[in-house]
Protein backbone atom coordinates (compact mmCIF):
# COMPACT_ATOMS: atom_id res chain seq x y z
CA MET A 1 -2.65 2.75 9.89
CA ARG A 2 -1.14 1.60 6.61
CA VAL A 3 -2.38 -1.69 5.16
CA ALA A 4 -1.09 -3.58 2.14
CA PHE A 5 -2.85 -6.37 0.26
CA VAL A 6 -0.47 -8.75 -1.52
CA GLY A 7 -0.73 -12.20 -3.07
CA LYS A 8 -0.49 -14.26 -6.21
CA GLY A 9 -1.99 -12.77 -9.35
CA GLY A 10 -5.66 -13.72 -9.47
CA SER A 11 -5.87 -14.44 -5.74
CA GLY A 12 -8.43 -11.69 -5.23
CA LYS A 13 -6.22 -9.13 -3.50
CA THR A 14 -7.64 -6.23 -5.54
CA THR A 15 -11.21 -7.29 -4.73
CA LEU A 16 -10.38 -7.58 -1.03
CA SER A 17 -8.54 -4.25 -1.06
CA ALA A 18 -11.67 -2.64 -2.48
CA LEU A 19 -14.09 -4.39 -0.12
CA PHE A 20 -11.98 -3.46 2.90
CA ALA A 21 -11.61 0.19 1.83
CA ARG A 22 -15.33 0.46 1.07
CA GLN A 23 -16.20 -1.03 4.45
CA LEU A 24 -13.96 1.47 6.24
CA ALA A 25 -15.49 4.37 4.32
CA ALA A 26 -19.02 3.11 5.02
CA GLU A 27 -18.18 3.06 8.73
CA GLY A 28 -17.11 6.70 8.55
CA ALA A 29 -13.36 6.14 8.88
CA PRO A 30 -10.91 8.46 7.07
CA VAL A 31 -9.45 6.23 4.37
CA VAL A 32 -7.33 6.59 1.23
CA ALA A 33 -6.95 3.74 -1.26
CA ILE A 34 -3.90 3.51 -3.52
CA ASP A 35 -3.63 1.34 -6.62
CA ALA A 36 0.03 0.28 -6.71
CA ASP A 37 -0.44 -2.75 -8.98
CA ILE A 38 0.90 -2.88 -12.54
CA ASN A 39 -2.63 -3.93 -13.51
CA GLN A 40 -4.63 -0.88 -12.47
CA HIS A 41 -8.05 -2.35 -11.60
CA LEU A 42 -8.76 -0.97 -8.13
CA ALA A 43 -11.09 1.75 -9.44
CA GLU A 44 -13.19 -0.90 -11.17
CA ALA A 45 -13.25 -2.99 -7.99
CA LEU A 46 -14.32 -0.01 -5.89
CA SER A 47 -17.20 0.74 -8.24
CA PRO A 48 -18.01 -2.55 -10.02
CA GLY A 49 -20.50 -2.36 -12.84
CA GLU A 50 -21.00 1.40 -12.45
CA ARG A 51 -18.26 2.53 -14.86
CA GLU A 52 -17.16 5.17 -12.37
CA SER A 53 -13.65 6.12 -13.49
CA HIS A 54 -10.76 7.76 -11.69
CA THR A 55 -10.30 11.21 -13.18
CA ALA A 56 -7.28 12.55 -11.27
CA PRO A 57 -3.78 12.36 -12.74
CA PRO A 58 -1.65 9.40 -11.61
CA LEU A 59 0.97 10.00 -8.95
CA SER A 60 3.74 9.00 -11.37
CA SER A 61 2.84 11.86 -13.72
CA ARG A 62 3.79 14.49 -11.12
CA THR A 63 6.60 12.88 -9.16
CA GLY A 64 8.83 15.94 -9.62
CA GLU A 65 6.21 18.32 -8.24
CA ILE A 66 5.51 15.93 -5.35
CA LYS A 67 9.23 15.90 -4.50
CA ASP A 68 9.43 19.70 -4.60
CA TRP A 69 6.56 20.04 -2.16
CA LEU A 70 7.67 17.28 0.23
CA ARG A 71 11.30 18.43 0.51
CA GLY A 72 10.15 21.87 1.60
CA ASP A 73 13.05 23.70 3.29
CA ASN A 74 15.01 20.58 4.18
CA PRO A 75 18.64 21.73 3.70
CA ARG A 76 19.84 18.15 3.19
CA ILE A 77 17.95 17.83 -0.12
CA ALA A 78 19.37 20.23 -2.68
CA SER A 79 16.95 19.52 -5.55
CA ARG A 80 14.25 17.22 -6.84
CA GLU A 81 16.93 15.41 -8.86
CA GLU A 82 18.73 14.47 -5.63
CA MET A 83 15.52 13.32 -3.95
CA ILE A 84 15.02 9.64 -4.73
CA LYS A 85 12.08 7.42 -3.82
CA THR A 86 13.65 6.36 -0.51
CA THR A 87 14.77 9.82 0.66
CA PRO A 88 13.48 10.05 4.23
CA PRO A 89 12.01 13.26 5.65
CA GLY A 90 14.06 15.48 7.91
CA ARG A 91 13.77 18.82 9.63
CA GLY A 92 12.33 21.25 7.08
CA SER A 93 10.48 18.54 5.11
CA ARG A 94 6.74 18.79 4.67
CA LEU A 95 4.73 15.95 6.15
CA LEU A 96 1.35 14.62 5.09
CA ARG A 97 -1.83 13.76 6.98
CA VAL A 98 -4.46 11.37 5.68
CA LEU A 99 -6.65 13.45 3.35
CA GLY A 100 -4.93 16.59 4.56
CA GLU A 101 -5.08 19.95 2.82
CA ASP A 102 -2.01 19.51 0.65
CA PRO A 103 -1.32 19.44 -3.11
CA VAL A 104 -0.69 15.68 -3.15
CA HIS A 105 -4.22 14.79 -2.07
CA ALA A 106 -5.73 17.78 -3.87
CA HIS A 107 -4.26 16.80 -7.24
CA HIS A 108 -4.41 13.01 -7.04
CA ALA A 109 -7.22 11.80 -4.73
CA ARG A 110 -10.69 11.41 -6.19
CA PRO A 111 -13.62 9.43 -4.75
CA VAL A 112 -14.55 6.20 -6.49
CA GLY A 113 -17.27 4.07 -4.94
CA GLY A 114 -17.23 6.40 -1.95
CA VAL A 115 -13.48 5.91 -1.35
CA PRO A 116 -10.80 8.55 -2.09
CA LEU A 117 -8.46 6.82 -4.53
CA MET A 118 -4.97 7.60 -5.82
CA VAL A 119 -3.33 5.59 -8.60
CA THR A 120 0.27 5.13 -9.68
CA GLY A 121 -0.50 5.08 -13.39
CA VAL A 122 -0.44 2.45 -16.09
CA PHE A 123 2.64 1.08 -17.81
CA ASP A 124 2.37 2.82 -21.20
CA ASP A 125 4.14 2.64 -24.57
CA SER A 126 6.80 5.18 -23.61
CA ASP A 127 7.93 2.87 -20.79
CA LEU A 128 8.43 -0.21 -22.96
CA GLY A 129 12.07 -1.28 -23.03
CA VAL A 130 13.05 1.77 -20.99
CA ALA A 131 11.78 1.50 -17.42
CA CYS A 132 10.44 -1.07 -14.99
CA TYR A 133 7.08 -0.58 -13.32
CA HIS A 134 8.73 -0.01 -9.96
CA SER A 135 9.91 3.38 -11.19
CA LYS A 136 6.24 4.43 -11.04
CA LEU A 137 5.96 3.28 -7.43
CA GLY A 138 8.49 5.88 -6.30
CA ALA A 139 5.76 8.46 -5.65
CA VAL A 140 3.87 5.97 -3.45
CA GLU A 141 7.01 5.30 -1.42
CA LEU A 142 7.63 9.03 -1.01
CA TYR A 143 4.00 9.52 0.04
CA LEU A 144 4.20 6.83 2.72
CA ASN A 145 7.64 7.98 3.89
CA HIS A 146 6.24 11.45 4.58
CA LEU A 147 2.85 10.42 5.96
CA VAL A 148 1.89 10.78 9.61
CA ASP A 149 -1.25 8.71 10.06
CA GLY A 150 -3.08 8.50 13.35
CA PRO A 151 -5.36 5.98 15.08
CA GLY A 152 -8.55 5.35 13.15
CA GLU A 153 -7.04 6.65 9.89
CA TYR A 154 -6.31 4.19 7.10
CA VAL A 155 -4.30 3.91 3.91
CA VAL A 156 -5.16 0.76 1.92
CA VAL A 157 -2.69 -0.19 -0.82
CA ASP A 158 -3.29 -2.79 -3.52
CA MET A 159 0.28 -3.94 -4.17
CA THR A 160 1.95 -5.64 -7.12
CA ALA A 161 1.35 -9.37 -7.41
CA GLY A 162 3.59 -12.12 -6.10
CA ALA A 163 7.13 -11.76 -4.79
CA ASP A 164 7.56 -8.77 -7.11
CA ALA A 165 6.41 -6.70 -4.14
CA PHE A 166 9.92 -7.09 -2.70
CA ALA A 167 11.61 -5.24 -5.56
CA SER A 168 11.58 -2.04 -3.49
CA GLY A 169 11.56 -1.06 0.17
CA LEU A 170 7.86 -0.27 -0.17
CA PHE A 171 7.02 -3.58 1.52
CA THR A 172 8.36 -2.19 4.83
CA ARG A 173 6.07 0.87 4.81
CA PHE A 174 3.01 -0.82 6.32
CA ASP A 175 1.69 -1.51 9.80
CA LEU A 176 0.12 -4.76 8.64
CA THR A 177 0.31 -6.70 5.39
CA PHE A 178 -2.55 -8.98 4.39
CA LEU A 179 -1.49 -11.80 2.11
CA VAL A 180 -4.46 -13.12 0.16
CA ALA A 181 -4.12 -16.86 -0.47
CA GLU A 182 -6.33 -19.24 -2.40
CA PRO A 183 -6.55 -22.82 -1.06
CA THR A 184 -4.16 -24.23 -3.67
CA ARG A 185 -0.46 -25.11 -3.73
CA LYS A 186 0.23 -22.14 -5.98
CA GLY A 187 -1.85 -19.96 -3.73
CA VAL A 188 0.29 -20.67 -0.66
CA SER A 189 3.64 -20.64 -2.49
CA VAL A 190 3.71 -16.82 -2.51
CA TYR A 191 2.91 -16.91 1.19
CA ARG A 192 6.08 -18.88 1.93
CA GLN A 193 8.21 -16.38 0.01
CA TYR A 194 6.59 -13.41 1.70
CA ARG A 195 6.73 -15.02 5.14
CA ASP A 196 10.49 -15.53 4.96
CA HIS A 197 11.21 -11.97 3.82
CA ALA A 198 8.75 -10.53 6.32
CA ARG A 199 10.43 -12.35 9.21
CA GLU A 200 13.84 -11.07 8.14
CA PHE A 201 12.68 -7.47 8.55
CA GLY A 202 10.15 -7.88 11.34
CA ILE A 203 7.19 -7.13 9.05
CA ALA A 204 3.74 -7.99 10.44
CA LEU A 205 2.05 -10.45 8.10
CA ALA A 206 -1.42 -12.00 8.26
CA VAL A 207 -3.01 -14.39 5.76
CA VAL A 208 -6.55 -14.02 4.47
CA GLY A 209 -7.86 -17.14 2.77
CA ASN A 210 -9.99 -16.45 -0.27
CA LYS A 211 -12.41 -18.35 -2.50
CA VAL A 212 -12.93 -20.98 0.18
CA THR A 213 -15.70 -23.36 -0.83
CA GLY A 214 -15.77 -25.86 2.01
CA GLU A 215 -14.10 -27.56 4.95
CA ASP A 216 -11.42 -29.18 2.79
CA ASP A 217 -10.28 -25.78 1.51
CA LEU A 218 -10.12 -24.40 5.03
CA LEU A 219 -8.18 -27.40 6.35
CA PHE A 220 -5.71 -27.04 3.45
CA LEU A 221 -5.04 -23.42 4.34
CA LYS A 222 -4.66 -24.20 8.03
CA GLU A 223 -2.20 -26.98 7.22
CA HIS A 224 0.01 -24.81 4.99
CA VAL A 225 -0.35 -21.43 6.68
CA GLY A 226 -0.88 -22.26 10.33
CA ASP A 227 -1.40 -19.46 12.82
CA ASP A 228 -0.77 -16.77 10.19
CA LEU A 229 -4.29 -17.47 8.87
CA ILE A 230 -6.50 -14.95 10.67
CA ALA A 231 -9.65 -15.03 8.53
CA TYR A 232 -11.05 -16.30 5.26
CA CYS A 233 -13.59 -15.34 2.62
CA GLU A 234 -15.98 -17.78 1.06
CA GLN A 235 -16.66 -17.78 -2.67
CA SER A 236 -18.93 -14.76 -3.13
CA PRO A 237 -21.89 -14.81 -5.53
CA TRP A 238 -22.56 -11.19 -4.56
CA VAL A 239 -19.09 -10.06 -5.67
CA ARG A 240 -19.51 -11.95 -8.96
CA ALA A 241 -22.90 -10.32 -9.52
CA GLN A 242 -21.38 -6.88 -8.86
CA GLU A 243 -18.59 -7.59 -11.34
CA GLN A 244 -21.20 -8.52 -13.93
CA GLY A 245 -23.08 -5.27 -13.36
CA ARG A 246 -25.95 -6.77 -11.38
CA THR A 247 -26.70 -4.67 -8.32
CA GLY A 248 -28.76 -5.33 -5.23
CA GLY A 249 -28.35 -7.41 -2.14
CA GLY A 250 -25.24 -7.27 -0.03
CA LEU A 251 -22.07 -9.07 0.88
CA GLU A 252 -22.63 -12.47 2.46
CA PRO A 253 -22.66 -12.43 6.31
CA HIS A 254 -19.51 -14.54 6.68
CA ASN A 255 -17.54 -12.35 4.28
CA ALA A 256 -18.79 -9.18 5.94
CA HIS A 257 -17.64 -10.62 9.27
CA THR A 258 -14.21 -11.29 7.75
CA LEU A 259 -13.87 -7.61 6.85
CA ARG A 260 -14.63 -6.70 10.45
CA GLN A 261 -11.96 -9.18 11.58
CA LEU A 262 -9.43 -7.50 9.30
CA ARG A 263 -10.17 -4.08 10.73
CA ALA A 264 -9.87 -5.45 14.27
CA ALA A 265 -6.48 -6.94 13.39
CA VAL A 266 -5.28 -3.60 11.98
CA ASP A 267 -6.59 -1.63 14.96
CA ALA A 268 -4.82 -4.00 17.36
CA ARG A 269 -1.41 -3.31 15.82
CA PRO A 270 0.81 -0.94 17.80
CA LYS A 271 2.26 1.94 15.80
CA ASP A 272 6.06 1.61 15.79
CA TRP A 273 7.46 4.85 14.40
CA ASP A 274 11.00 3.96 15.47
CA MET A 275 11.02 0.76 13.39
CA PHE A 276 9.42 2.64 10.52
CA GLN A 277 12.24 5.18 10.58
CA ARG A 278 14.93 2.48 10.87
CA HIS A 279 13.59 0.73 7.79
CA ALA A 280 13.35 4.02 5.89
CA ILE A 281 16.99 4.83 6.60
CA GLU A 282 18.20 1.27 5.92
CA PHE A 283 16.61 1.08 2.48
CA HIS A 284 17.66 4.60 1.61
CA LEU A 285 21.29 3.73 2.34
CA ARG A 286 20.95 0.51 0.33
CA ASN A 287 19.66 2.43 -2.67
CA ALA A 288 22.33 5.11 -2.28
CA ARG A 289 25.11 2.52 -2.35
CA ALA A 290 23.56 0.37 -5.09
CA TRP A 291 22.79 3.03 -7.71
CA ALA A 292 21.61 6.42 -6.50
CA ASP A 293 24.97 7.95 -5.52
CA ARG A 294 26.25 7.24 -9.03
CA ALA A 295 23.04 8.40 -10.70
CA THR A 296 22.89 11.72 -8.85
CA GLY A 297 26.59 12.37 -8.36
CA SER A 298 25.93 13.03 -4.68
CA GLU A 299 26.49 11.24 -1.38
CA LEU A 300 22.86 10.57 -0.51
CA ALA A 301 23.64 9.12 2.92
CA LEU A 302 23.97 12.77 3.96
CA GLN A 303 20.22 13.20 3.41
CA VAL A 304 19.57 11.24 6.60
CA ASP A 305 18.82 13.71 9.39
CA PRO A 306 19.97 12.17 12.70
CA GLY A 307 17.99 14.77 14.63
CA PHE A 308 14.65 13.91 13.03
CA ARG A 309 12.19 11.49 14.61
CA HIS A 310 9.17 10.52 12.57
CA GLY A 311 5.68 10.47 14.03
CA PRO A 312 3.06 12.85 15.43
CA ASP A 313 5.63 14.95 17.30
CA ALA A 314 7.27 15.83 13.98
CA LEU A 315 4.09 17.69 13.00
CA SER A 316 4.49 20.17 15.84
CA PRO A 317 6.68 23.21 15.33
CA VAL A 318 9.91 23.16 17.32
């Protein structure tokens, strides 16, 4: 199951992404975490105070090689240059399994805090005035487009902050999106934006309240979020101590229970491969019309393979 954490900058989505991924790993579940935020802090959140760094190259540094491997023998994709971030898989494409034996995981996934982590890469000097950060997210979109994940397997993605998450079709690549909201007017404003876009595309959205300090905070969230609020985290002295390098103890019982609620919500979601494929094709055609046909000099709508159906059956040889 693919899970995204979104929210206003500073809402705590990176911290919750890390806590959720660590909890899954501690319970023995196959899990991959991906840092897809322009501020690359997920490694620090996965291993707070321990200075355990991520040593693998970022996905964005090898996008060309990733494209070459994923396109495989697909006759509809002539070259890496004609494979854009939204290019969907077809017959002949190579598909990925969570932590499978493939060059994508081998080159880019390294454990941090007990969780295999992949990162998109930082926005560096060579990008200034030339590219937007979303160009780096292309490898993440390709990864998710070609991934076949099964029950009890998890990909946890820390997304870009705010409504900026809608700048690409990446927001449709998840089984469930957790929006992290603080109990403030600014905290719920991003929720309203995300809710409206999510409804337009049938995206499953659930709100996780964060930094709740009392009944008034909880009532505020319930008033502004309603039934989309599925759980909340209280202000956590343990998390703050971890961030300051003080170890010992454990996550507060209520917050630990919230993590279990999040996993239960993810596990309860039905896997809808047909909708996943519809969204993949829709956003690929949008990108083809908007810019990619001109950029590549090709008619990229022809990359869509009408005889391909995504999901576990696509892993089996015909």
